[in-house]
Amino acid sequence: MAKEYKLRFLSLFENDFNAIVDYIAVQLQNPGAANRLIDDVEKSIYDRLQNPESFEPYRSASEHPYPYYYIRVRSYIVFYVVINDVMEVRRIVYGRRDMPKQL
């Protein structure tokens, strides 16, 4: 029987995601692309929730109490950790940013 995981979003992720969606919808004037990104990110997270620890952890230069995992969604990377039976989604960042400084 597969382990069931709960899902939790940090406010940091929500702030990151809202800023990205607002930028695409308002600054780039492309609300359709913003809505597609929302759908793709949600689908990717819920798909990963089925087995979040079965992927290779992100190799970070700094130590963390829990290993970070990642999901690539278009040009963005969603970072999460697994704490017991909780998949905690922590950040979403543009894929070309300096990742060590983001975590």
PDB file of N, CA and C in Angstrom:
ATOM      1  N   MET A   1       0.836  -1.178   0.000  1.00  0.00           N
ATOM      2  CA  MET A   1       0.000   0.000   0.000  1.00  0.00           C
ATOM      3  C   MET A   1       0.884   1.247   0.000  1.00  0.00           C
ATOM      4  N   ALA A   2       0.585   2.167  -0.866  1.00  0.00           N
ATOM      5  CA  ALA A   2       1.378   3.385  -0.997  1.00  0.00           C
ATOM      6  C   ALA A   2       1.103   4.337   0.163  1.00  0.00           C
ATOM      7  N   LYS A   3       2.153   5.010   0.571  1.00  0.00           N
ATOM      8  CA  LYS A   3       2.032   6.005   1.628  1.00  0.00           C
ATOM      9  C   LYS A   3       1.280   7.218   1.089  1.00  0.00           C
ATOM     10  N   GLU A   4       0.382   7.767   1.896  1.00  0.00           N
ATOM     11  CA  GLU A   4      -0.351   8.963   1.489  1.00  0.00           C
ATOM     12  C   GLU A   4       0.298  10.186   2.113  1.00  0.00           C
ATOM     13  N   TYR A   5       0.475  11.198   1.288  1.00  0.00           N
ATOM     14  CA  TYR A   5       1.108  12.429   1.732  1.00  0.00           C
ATOM     15  C   TYR A   5       0.093  13.563   1.775  1.00  0.00           C
ATOM     16  N   LYS A   6       0.274  14.419   2.765  1.00  0.00           N
ATOM     17  CA  LYS A   6      -0.506  15.654   2.844  1.00  0.00           C
ATOM     18  C   LYS A   6       0.290  16.731   2.124  1.00  0.00           C
ATOM     19  N   LEU A   7      -0.391  17.787   1.731  1.00  0.00           N
ATOM     20  CA  LEU A   7       0.247  18.866   0.999  1.00  0.00           C
ATOM     21  C   LEU A   7       0.136  20.157   1.800  1.00  0.00           C
ATOM     22  N   ARG A   8       1.267  20.876   1.896  1.00  0.00           N
ATOM     23  CA  ARG A   8       1.281  22.158   2.590  1.00  0.00           C
ATOM     24  C   ARG A   8       2.089  23.138   1.743  1.00  0.00           C
ATOM     25  N   PHE A   9       1.588  24.365   1.636  1.00  0.00           N
ATOM     26  CA  PHE A   9       2.270  25.423   0.894  1.00  0.00           C
ATOM     27  C   PHE A   9       2.747  26.481   1.883  1.00  0.00           C
ATOM     28  N   LEU A  10       4.013  26.840   1.804  1.00  0.00           N
ATOM     29  CA  LEU A  10       4.506  27.956   2.611  1.00  0.00           C
ATOM     30  C   LEU A  10       4.058  29.265   1.983  1.00  0.00           C
ATOM     31  N   SER A  11       3.911  30.276   2.803  1.00  0.00           N
ATOM     32  CA  SER A  11       3.518  31.592   2.282  1.00  0.00           C
ATOM     33  C   SER A  11       4.581  32.136   1.335  1.00  0.00           C
ATOM     34  N   LEU A  12       5.816  31.748   1.521  1.00  0.00           N
ATOM     35  CA  LEU A  12       6.885  32.155   0.618  1.00  0.00           C
ATOM     36  C   LEU A  12       6.608  31.664  -0.808  1.00  0.00           C
ATOM     37  N   PHE A  13       6.172  30.418  -0.936  1.00  0.00           N
ATOM     38  CA  PHE A  13       5.797  29.893  -2.249  1.00  0.00           C
ATOM     39  C   PHE A  13       4.627  30.695  -2.821  1.00  0.00           C
ATOM     40  N   GLU A  14       3.619  30.921  -2.003  1.00  0.00           N
ATOM     41  CA  GLU A  14       2.441  31.649  -2.470  1.00  0.00           C
ATOM     42  C   GLU A  14       2.812  33.054  -2.941  1.00  0.00           C
ATOM     43  N   ASN A  15       3.706  33.729  -2.213  1.00  0.00           N
ATOM     44  CA  ASN A  15       4.155  35.058  -2.623  1.00  0.00           C
ATOM     45  C   ASN A  15       4.927  35.006  -3.936  1.00  0.00           C
ATOM     46  N   ASP A  16       5.839  34.038  -4.047  1.00  0.00           N
ATOM     47  CA  ASP A  16       6.597  33.856  -5.300  1.00  0.00           C
ATOM     48  C   ASP A  16       5.645  33.637  -6.474  1.00  0.00           C
ATOM     49  N   PHE A  17       4.716  32.712  -6.278  1.00  0.00           N
ATOM     50  CA  PHE A  17       3.816  32.309  -7.360  1.00  0.00           C
ATOM     51  C   PHE A  17       2.900  33.465  -7.771  1.00  0.00           C
ATOM     52  N   ASN A  18       2.363  34.167  -6.787  1.00  0.00           N
ATOM     53  CA  ASN A  18       1.506  35.325  -7.096  1.00  0.00           C
ATOM     54  C   ASN A  18       2.267  36.384  -7.875  1.00  0.00           C
ATOM     55  N   ALA A  19       3.518  36.630  -7.497  1.00  0.00           N
ATOM     56  CA  ALA A  19       4.325  37.629  -8.210  1.00  0.00           C
ATOM     57  C   ALA A  19       4.580  37.203  -9.658  1.00  0.00           C
ATOM     58  N   ILE A  20       4.857  35.928  -9.865  1.00  0.00           N
ATOM     59  CA  ILE A  20       5.097  35.418 -11.219  1.00  0.00           C
ATOM     60  C   ILE A  20       3.834  35.541 -12.064  1.00  0.00           C
ATOM     61  N   VAL A  21       2.715  35.094 -11.516  1.00  0.00           N
ATOM     62  CA  VAL A  21       1.445  35.137 -12.251  1.00  0.00           C
ATOM     63  C   VAL A  21       1.048  36.579 -12.549  1.00  0.00           C
ATOM     64  N   ASP A  22       1.193  37.469 -11.565  1.00  0.00           N
ATOM     65  CA  ASP A  22       0.881  38.886 -11.792  1.00  0.00           C
ATOM     66  C   ASP A  22       1.762  39.488 -12.881  1.00  0.00           C
ATOM     67  N   TYR A  23       3.037  39.153 -12.856  1.00  0.00           N
ATOM     68  CA  TYR A  23       3.953  39.680 -13.869  1.00  0.00           C
ATOM     69  C   TYR A  23       3.523  39.244 -15.274  1.00  0.00           C
ATOM     70  N   ILE A  24       3.212  37.970 -15.415  1.00  0.00           N
ATOM     71  CA  ILE A  24       2.805  37.463 -16.732  1.00  0.00           C
ATOM     72  C   ILE A  24       1.474  38.079 -17.162  1.00  0.00           C
ATOM     73  N   ALA A  25       0.504  38.117 -16.253  1.00  0.00           N
ATOM     74  CA  ALA A  25      -0.832  38.605 -16.598  1.00  0.00           C
ATOM     75  C   ALA A  25      -0.863  40.114 -16.821  1.00  0.00           C
ATOM     76  N   VAL A  26      -0.169  40.874 -15.966  1.00  0.00           N
ATOM     77  CA  VAL A  26      -0.278  42.333 -16.011  1.00  0.00           C
ATOM     78  C   VAL A  26       0.845  42.964 -16.828  1.00  0.00           C
ATOM     79  N   GLN A  27       2.087  42.699 -16.433  1.00  0.00           N
ATOM     80  CA  GLN A  27       3.219  43.338 -17.108  1.00  0.00           C
ATOM     81  C   GLN A  27       3.364  42.854 -18.551  1.00  0.00           C
ATOM     82  N   LEU A  28       3.251  41.559 -18.736  1.00  0.00           N
ATOM     83  CA  LEU A  28       3.362  41.005 -20.096  1.00  0.00           C
ATOM     84  C   LEU A  28       2.028  41.014 -20.828  1.00  0.00           C
ATOM     85  N   GLN A  29       0.974  41.372 -20.121  1.00  0.00           N
ATOM     86  CA  GLN A  29      -0.381  41.449 -20.684  1.00  0.00           C
ATOM     87  C   GLN A  29      -0.792  40.144 -21.376  1.00  0.00           C
ATOM     88  N   ASN A  30      -0.573  39.040 -20.641  1.00  0.00           N
ATOM     89  CA  ASN A  30      -0.906  37.732 -21.194  1.00  0.00           C
ATOM     90  C   ASN A  30      -1.594  36.877 -20.125  1.00  0.00           C
ATOM     91  N   PRO A  31      -2.852  37.219 -19.795  1.00  0.00           N
ATOM     92  CA  PRO A  31      -3.550  36.460 -18.752  1.00  0.00           C
ATOM     93  C   PRO A  31      -3.768  34.992 -19.118  1.00  0.00           C
ATOM     94  N   GLY A  32      -3.886  34.691 -20.401  1.00  0.00           N
ATOM     95  CA  GLY A  32      -4.044  33.294 -20.813  1.00  0.00           C
ATOM     96  C   GLY A  32      -2.822  32.469 -20.448  1.00  0.00           C
ATOM     97  N   ALA A  33      -1.634  33.008 -20.688  1.00  0.00           N
ATOM     98  CA  ALA A  33      -0.401  32.305 -20.332  1.00  0.00           C
ATOM     99  C   ALA A  33      -0.287  32.155 -18.817  1.00  0.00           C
ATOM    100  N   ALA A  34      -0.703  33.175 -18.085  1.00  0.00           N
ATOM    101  CA  ALA A  34      -0.674  33.103 -16.621  1.00  0.00           C
ATOM    102  C   ALA A  34      -1.588  31.988 -16.117  1.00  0.00           C
ATOM    103  N   ASN A  35      -2.771  31.875 -16.680  1.00  0.00           N
ATOM    104  CA  ASN A  35      -3.707  30.815 -16.277  1.00  0.00           C
ATOM    105  C   ASN A  35      -3.182  29.431 -16.642  1.00  0.00           C
ATOM    106  N   ARG A  36      -2.535  29.306 -17.792  1.00  0.00           N
ATOM    107  CA  ARG A  36      -1.957  28.012 -18.180  1.00  0.00           C
ATOM    108  C   ARG A  36      -0.826  27.622 -17.235  1.00  0.00           C
ATOM    109  N   LEU A  37      -0.037  28.608 -16.819  1.00  0.00           N
ATOM    110  CA  LEU A  37       1.037  28.320 -15.873  1.00  0.00           C
ATOM    111  C   LEU A  37       0.458  27.853 -14.538  1.00  0.00           C
ATOM    112  N   ILE A  38      -0.581  28.507 -14.067  1.00  0.00           N
ATOM    113  CA  ILE A  38      -1.240  28.078 -12.823  1.00  0.00           C
ATOM    114  C   ILE A  38      -1.673  26.620 -12.940  1.00  0.00           C
ATOM    115  N   ASP A  39      -2.347  26.282 -14.032  1.00  0.00           N
ATOM    116  CA  ASP A  39      -2.810  24.905 -14.239  1.00  0.00           C
ATOM    117  C   ASP A  39      -1.651  23.918 -14.273  1.00  0.00           C
ATOM    118  N   ASP A  40      -0.581  24.269 -14.986  1.00  0.00           N
ATOM    119  CA  ASP A  40       0.567  23.364 -15.111  1.00  0.00           C
ATOM    120  C   ASP A  40       1.282  23.159 -13.781  1.00  0.00           C
ATOM    121  N   VAL A  41       1.437  24.227 -13.005  1.00  0.00           N
ATOM    122  CA  VAL A  41       2.104  24.108 -11.706  1.00  0.00           C
ATOM    123  C   VAL A  41       1.254  23.260 -10.763  1.00  0.00           C
ATOM    124  N   GLU A  42      -0.043  23.532 -10.705  1.00  0.00           N
ATOM    125  CA  GLU A  42      -0.924  22.738  -9.831  1.00  0.00           C
ATOM    126  C   GLU A  42      -0.894  21.265 -10.217  1.00  0.00           C
ATOM    127  N   LYS A  43      -0.994  20.970 -11.491  1.00  0.00           N
ATOM    128  CA  LYS A  43      -0.981  19.575 -11.950  1.00  0.00           C
ATOM    129  C   LYS A  43       0.334  18.901 -11.591  1.00  0.00           C
ATOM    130  N   SER A  44       1.438  19.583 -11.809  1.00  0.00           N
ATOM    131  CA  SER A  44       2.748  19.007 -11.515  1.00  0.00           C
ATOM    132  C   SER A  44       2.908  18.706 -10.028  1.00  0.00           C
ATOM    133  N   ILE A  45       2.444  19.615  -9.183  1.00  0.00           N
ATOM    134  CA  ILE A  45       2.548  19.400  -7.738  1.00  0.00           C
ATOM    135  C   ILE A  45       1.676  18.228  -7.309  1.00  0.00           C
ATOM    136  N   TYR A  46       0.438  18.184  -7.772  1.00  0.00           N
ATOM    137  CA  TYR A  46      -0.449  17.087  -7.373  1.00  0.00           C
ATOM    138  C   TYR A  46      -0.005  15.746  -7.941  1.00  0.00           C
ATOM    139  N   ASP A  47       0.586  15.748  -9.123  1.00  0.00           N
ATOM    140  CA  ASP A  47       1.142  14.503  -9.664  1.00  0.00           C
ATOM    141  C   ASP A  47       2.295  14.016  -8.796  1.00  0.00           C
ATOM    142  N   ARG A  48       3.148  14.928  -8.364  1.00  0.00           N
ATOM    143  CA  ARG A  48       4.303  14.569  -7.546  1.00  0.00           C
ATOM    144  C   ARG A  48       3.888  14.116  -6.152  1.00  0.00           C
ATOM    145  N   LEU A  49       2.752  14.582  -5.673  1.00  0.00           N
ATOM    146  CA  LEU A  49       2.269  14.230  -4.339  1.00  0.00           C
ATOM    147  C   LEU A  49       2.078  12.722  -4.179  1.00  0.00           C
ATOM    148  N   GLN A  50       1.888  12.016  -5.268  1.00  0.00           N
ATOM    149  CA  GLN A  50       1.684  10.568  -5.203  1.00  0.00           C
ATOM    150  C   GLN A  50       2.922   9.841  -4.666  1.00  0.00           C
ATOM    151  N   ASN A  51       4.104  10.390  -4.962  1.00  0.00           N
ATOM    152  CA  ASN A  51       5.344   9.746  -4.526  1.00  0.00           C
ATOM    153  C   ASN A  51       6.485  10.764  -4.517  1.00  0.00           C
ATOM    154  N   PRO A  52       6.456  11.723  -3.615  1.00  0.00           N
ATOM    155  CA  PRO A  52       7.394  12.845  -3.664  1.00  0.00           C
ATOM    156  C   PRO A  52       8.857  12.506  -3.382  1.00  0.00           C
ATOM    157  N   GLU A  53       9.122  11.392  -2.726  1.00  0.00           N
ATOM    158  CA  GLU A  53      10.499  11.053  -2.375  1.00  0.00           C
ATOM    159  C   GLU A  53      11.174  10.125  -3.389  1.00  0.00           C
ATOM    160  N   SER A  54      10.489   9.803  -4.454  1.00  0.00           N
ATOM    161  CA  SER A  54      11.053   8.870  -5.427  1.00  0.00           C
ATOM    162  C   SER A  54      11.932   9.557  -6.471  1.00  0.00           C
ATOM    163  N   PHE A  55      12.207  10.829  -6.287  1.00  0.00           N
ATOM    164  CA  PHE A  55      13.020  11.586  -7.233  1.00  0.00           C
ATOM    165  C   PHE A  55      14.326  11.987  -6.562  1.00  0.00           C
ATOM    166  N   GLU A  56      15.315  12.293  -7.369  1.00  0.00           N
ATOM    167  CA  GLU A  56      16.616  12.681  -6.841  1.00  0.00           C
ATOM    168  C   GLU A  56      16.521  14.047  -6.161  1.00  0.00           C
ATOM    169  N   PRO A  57      17.081  14.167  -4.965  1.00  0.00           N
ATOM    170  CA  PRO A  57      17.069  15.472  -4.281  1.00  0.00           C
ATOM    171  C   PRO A  57      17.920  16.496  -5.028  1.00  0.00           C
ATOM    172  N   TYR A  58      17.598  17.754  -4.812  1.00  0.00           N
ATOM    173  CA  TYR A  58      18.371  18.861  -5.366  1.00  0.00           C
ATOM    174  C   TYR A  58      19.682  18.960  -4.599  1.00  0.00           C
ATOM    175  N   ARG A  59      20.768  19.068  -5.312  1.00  0.00           N
ATOM    176  CA  ARG A  59      22.085  19.180  -4.664  1.00  0.00           C
ATOM    177  C   ARG A  59      22.349  20.638  -4.340  1.00  0.00           C
ATOM    178  N   SER A  60      22.292  20.927  -3.078  1.00  0.00           N
ATOM    179  CA  SER A  60      22.465  22.300  -2.599  1.00  0.00           C
ATOM    180  C   SER A  60      23.847  22.455  -1.966  1.00  0.00           C
ATOM    181  N   ALA A  61      24.432  23.624  -2.103  1.00  0.00           N
ATOM    182  CA  ALA A  61      25.738  23.902  -1.506  1.00  0.00           C
ATOM    183  C   ALA A  61      25.635  24.052   0.009  1.00  0.00           C
ATOM    184  N   SER A  62      24.473  24.431   0.491  1.00  0.00           N
ATOM    185  CA  SER A  62      24.300  24.613   1.935  1.00  0.00           C
ATOM    186  C   SER A  62      23.514  23.452   2.527  1.00  0.00           C
ATOM    187  N   GLU A  63      23.702  23.245   3.802  1.00  0.00           N
ATOM    188  CA  GLU A  63      23.017  22.176   4.525  1.00  0.00           C
ATOM    189  C   GLU A  63      21.596  22.596   4.896  1.00  0.00           C
ATOM    190  N   HIS A  64      20.677  21.657   4.787  1.00  0.00           N
ATOM    191  CA  HIS A  64      19.287  21.875   5.178  1.00  0.00           C
ATOM    192  C   HIS A  64      18.851  20.697   6.037  1.00  0.00           C
ATOM    193  N   PRO A  65      17.945  20.915   6.975  1.00  0.00           N
ATOM    194  CA  PRO A  65      17.475  19.805   7.813  1.00  0.00           C
ATOM    195  C   PRO A  65      16.774  18.701   7.008  1.00  0.00           C
ATOM    196  N   TYR A  66      16.142  19.083   5.896  1.00  0.00           N
ATOM    197  CA  TYR A  66      15.461  18.130   5.029  1.00  0.00           C
ATOM    198  C   TYR A  66      15.953  18.357   3.607  1.00  0.00           C
ATOM    199  N   PRO A  67      16.129  17.285   2.845  1.00  0.00           N
ATOM    200  CA  PRO A  67      16.581  17.481   1.464  1.00  0.00           C
ATOM    201  C   PRO A  67      15.512  18.179   0.626  1.00  0.00           C
ATOM    202  N   TYR A  68      15.969  19.054  -0.241  1.00  0.00           N
ATOM    203  CA  TYR A  68      15.077  19.727  -1.176  1.00  0.00           C
ATOM    204  C   TYR A  68      14.917  18.869  -2.422  1.00  0.00           C
ATOM    205  N   TYR A  69      13.698  18.801  -2.913  1.00  0.00           N
ATOM    206  CA  TYR A  69      13.395  18.169  -4.193  1.00  0.00           C
ATOM    207  C   TYR A  69      12.869  19.259  -5.117  1.00  0.00           C
ATOM    208  N   TYR A  70      12.836  18.974  -6.393  1.00  0.00           N
ATOM    209  CA  TYR A  70      12.382  20.006  -7.320  1.00  0.00           C
ATOM    210  C   TYR A  70      11.522  19.412  -8.431  1.00  0.00           C
ATOM    211  N   ILE A  71      10.712  20.289  -8.989  1.00  0.00           N
ATOM    212  CA  ILE A  71       9.849  19.953 -10.129  1.00  0.00           C
ATOM    213  C   ILE A  71      10.055  21.056 -11.160  1.00  0.00           C
ATOM    214  N   ARG A  72      10.419  20.685 -12.351  1.00  0.00           N
ATOM    215  CA  ARG A  72      10.540  21.666 -13.437  1.00  0.00           C
ATOM    216  C   ARG A  72       9.188  21.822 -14.111  1.00  0.00           C
ATOM    217  N   VAL A  73       8.740  23.069 -14.210  1.00  0.00           N
ATOM    218  CA  VAL A  73       7.483  23.390 -14.883  1.00  0.00           C
ATOM    219  C   VAL A  73       7.772  24.560 -15.810  1.00  0.00           C
ATOM    220  N   ARG A  74       7.834  24.249 -17.094  1.00  0.00           N
ATOM    221  CA  ARG A  74       8.213  25.256 -18.096  1.00  0.00           C
ATOM    222  C   ARG A  74       9.554  25.864 -17.721  1.00  0.00           C
ATOM    223  N   SER A  75       9.604  27.189 -17.557  1.00  0.00           N
ATOM    224  CA  SER A  75      10.854  27.878 -17.232  1.00  0.00           C
ATOM    225  C   SER A  75      11.035  28.063 -15.732  1.00  0.00           C
ATOM    226  N   TYR A  76      10.231  27.398 -14.928  1.00  0.00           N
ATOM    227  CA  TYR A  76      10.239  27.592 -13.479  1.00  0.00           C
ATOM    228  C   TYR A  76      10.594  26.295 -12.771  1.00  0.00           C
ATOM    229  N   ILE A  77      11.060  26.449 -11.539  1.00  0.00           N
ATOM    230  CA  ILE A  77      11.381  25.296 -10.707  1.00  0.00           C
ATOM    231  C   ILE A  77      10.652  25.451  -9.379  1.00  0.00           C
ATOM    232  N   VAL A  78       9.900  24.424  -9.015  1.00  0.00           N
ATOM    233  CA  VAL A  78       9.189  24.364  -7.742  1.00  0.00           C
ATOM    234  C   VAL A  78      10.053  23.531  -6.794  1.00  0.00           C
ATOM    235  N   PHE A  79      10.335  24.074  -5.609  1.00  0.00           N
ATOM    236  CA  PHE A  79      11.123  23.364  -4.609  1.00  0.00           C
ATOM    237  C   PHE A  79      10.222  22.946  -3.452  1.00  0.00           C
ATOM    238  N   TYR A  80      10.474  21.734  -2.971  1.00  0.00           N
ATOM    239  CA  TYR A  80       9.693  21.217  -1.842  1.00  0.00           C
ATOM    240  C   TYR A  80      10.565  20.317  -0.984  1.00  0.00           C
ATOM    241  N   VAL A  81      10.116  20.074   0.235  1.00  0.00           N
ATOM    242  CA  VAL A  81      10.735  19.109   1.137  1.00  0.00           C
ATOM    243  C   VAL A  81       9.654  18.145   1.599  1.00  0.00           C
ATOM    244  N   VAL A  82      10.091  17.002   2.093  1.00  0.00           N
ATOM    245  CA  VAL A  82       9.162  16.033   2.661  1.00  0.00           C
ATOM    246  C   VAL A  82       9.499  15.893   4.136  1.00  0.00           C
ATOM    247  N   ILE A  83       8.503  16.172   4.965  1.00  0.00           N
ATOM    248  CA  ILE A  83       8.656  16.070   6.415  1.00  0.00           C
ATOM    249  C   ILE A  83       7.621  15.067   6.897  1.00  0.00           C
ATOM    250  N   ASN A  84       8.103  13.876   7.255  1.00  0.00           N
ATOM    251  CA  ASN A  84       7.233  12.763   7.641  1.00  0.00           C
ATOM    252  C   ASN A  84       6.251  12.462   6.511  1.00  0.00           C
ATOM    253  N   ASP A  85       4.968  12.766   6.694  1.00  0.00           N
ATOM    254  CA  ASP A  85       3.977  12.476   5.650  1.00  0.00           C
ATOM    255  C   ASP A  85       3.455  13.749   4.982  1.00  0.00           C
ATOM    256  N   VAL A  86       4.251  14.823   5.030  1.00  0.00           N
ATOM    257  CA  VAL A  86       3.840  16.109   4.457  1.00  0.00           C
ATOM    258  C   VAL A  86       4.816  16.528   3.364  1.00  0.00           C
ATOM    259  N   MET A  87       4.268  16.820   2.201  1.00  0.00           N
ATOM    260  CA  MET A  87       5.049  17.423   1.127  1.00  0.00           C
ATOM    261  C   MET A  87       4.844  18.925   1.262  1.00  0.00           C
ATOM    262  N   GLU A  88       5.901  19.620   1.654  1.00  0.00           N
ATOM    263  CA  GLU A  88       5.818  21.054   1.916  1.00  0.00           C
ATOM    264  C   GLU A  88       6.447  21.810   0.745  1.00  0.00           C
ATOM    265  N   VAL A  89       5.615  22.519   0.001  1.00  0.00           N
ATOM    266  CA  VAL A  89       6.074  23.282  -1.155  1.00  0.00           C
ATOM    267  C   VAL A  89       6.559  24.632  -0.649  1.00  0.00           C
ATOM    268  N   ARG A  90       7.849  24.924  -0.942  1.00  0.00           N
ATOM    269  CA  ARG A  90       8.473  26.094  -0.319  1.00  0.00           C
ATOM    270  C   ARG A  90       8.729  27.258  -1.257  1.00  0.00           C
ATOM    271  N   ARG A  91       9.152  27.005  -2.479  1.00  0.00           N
ATOM    272  CA  ARG A  91       9.518  28.099  -3.388  1.00  0.00           C
ATOM    273  C   ARG A  91       9.148  27.738  -4.818  1.00  0.00           C
ATOM    274  N   ILE A  92       8.978  28.766  -5.632  1.00  0.00           N
ATOM    275  CA  ILE A  92       8.950  28.628  -7.080  1.00  0.00           C
ATOM    276  C   ILE A  92       9.786  29.787  -7.606  1.00  0.00           C
ATOM    277  N   VAL A  93      10.750  29.459  -8.447  1.00  0.00           N
ATOM    278  CA  VAL A  93      11.664  30.482  -8.963  1.00  0.00           C
ATOM    279  C   VAL A  93      11.861  30.281 -10.460  1.00  0.00           C
ATOM    280  N   TYR A  94      12.230  31.367 -11.114  1.00  0.00           N
ATOM    281  CA  TYR A  94      12.569  31.306 -12.526  1.00  0.00           C
ATOM    282  C   TYR A  94      13.833  30.461 -12.665  1.00  0.00           C
ATOM    283  N   GLY A  95      13.835  29.551 -13.598  1.00  0.00           N
ATOM    284  CA  GLY A  95      14.903  28.569 -13.732  1.00  0.00           C
ATOM    285  C   GLY A  95      16.279  29.112 -14.021  1.00  0.00           C
ATOM    286  N   ARG A  96      16.400  30.336 -14.468  1.00  0.00           N
ATOM    287  CA  ARG A  96      17.720  30.892 -14.800  1.00  0.00           C
ATOM    288  C   ARG A  96      18.300  31.751 -13.685  1.00  0.00           C
ATOM    289  N   ARG A  97      17.641  31.762 -12.542  1.00  0.00           N
ATOM    290  CA  ARG A  97      18.159  32.528 -11.407  1.00  0.00           C
ATOM    291  C   ARG A  97      19.272  31.736 -10.733  1.00  0.00           C
ATOM    292  N   ASP A  98      20.006  32.387  -9.857  1.00  0.00           N
ATOM    293  CA  ASP A  98      21.077  31.757  -9.102  1.00  0.00           C
ATOM    294  C   ASP A  98      20.433  30.909  -7.994  1.00  0.00           C
ATOM    295  N   MET A  99      20.313  29.620  -8.238  1.00  0.00           N
ATOM    296  CA  MET A  99      19.572  28.741  -7.326  1.00  0.00           C
ATOM    297  C   MET A  99      20.136  28.680  -5.911  1.00  0.00           C
ATOM    298  N   PRO A 100      21.448  28.567  -5.707  1.00  0.00           N
ATOM    299  CA  PRO A 100      21.921  28.491  -4.320  1.00  0.00           C
ATOM    300  C   PRO A 100      21.481  29.675  -3.462  1.00  0.00           C
ATOM    301  N   LYS A 101      21.323  30.833  -4.058  1.00  0.00           N
ATOM    302  CA  LYS A 101      20.887  32.005  -3.288  1.00  0.00           C
ATOM    303  C   LYS A 101      19.382  31.974  -3.002  1.00  0.00           C
ATOM    304  N   GLN A 102      18.634  31.145  -3.699  1.00  0.00           N
ATOM    305  CA  GLN A 102      17.187  31.104  -3.537  1.00  0.00           C
ATOM    306  C   GLN A 102      16.742  30.182  -2.404  1.00  0.00           C
ATOM    307  N   LEU A 103      17.579  29.234  -2.041  1.00  0.00           N
ATOM    308  CA  LEU A 103      17.180  28.277  -1.011  1.00  0.00           C
ATOM    309  C   LEU A 103      17.820  28.634   0.277  1.00  0.00           C
TER     310      LEU A 103
END
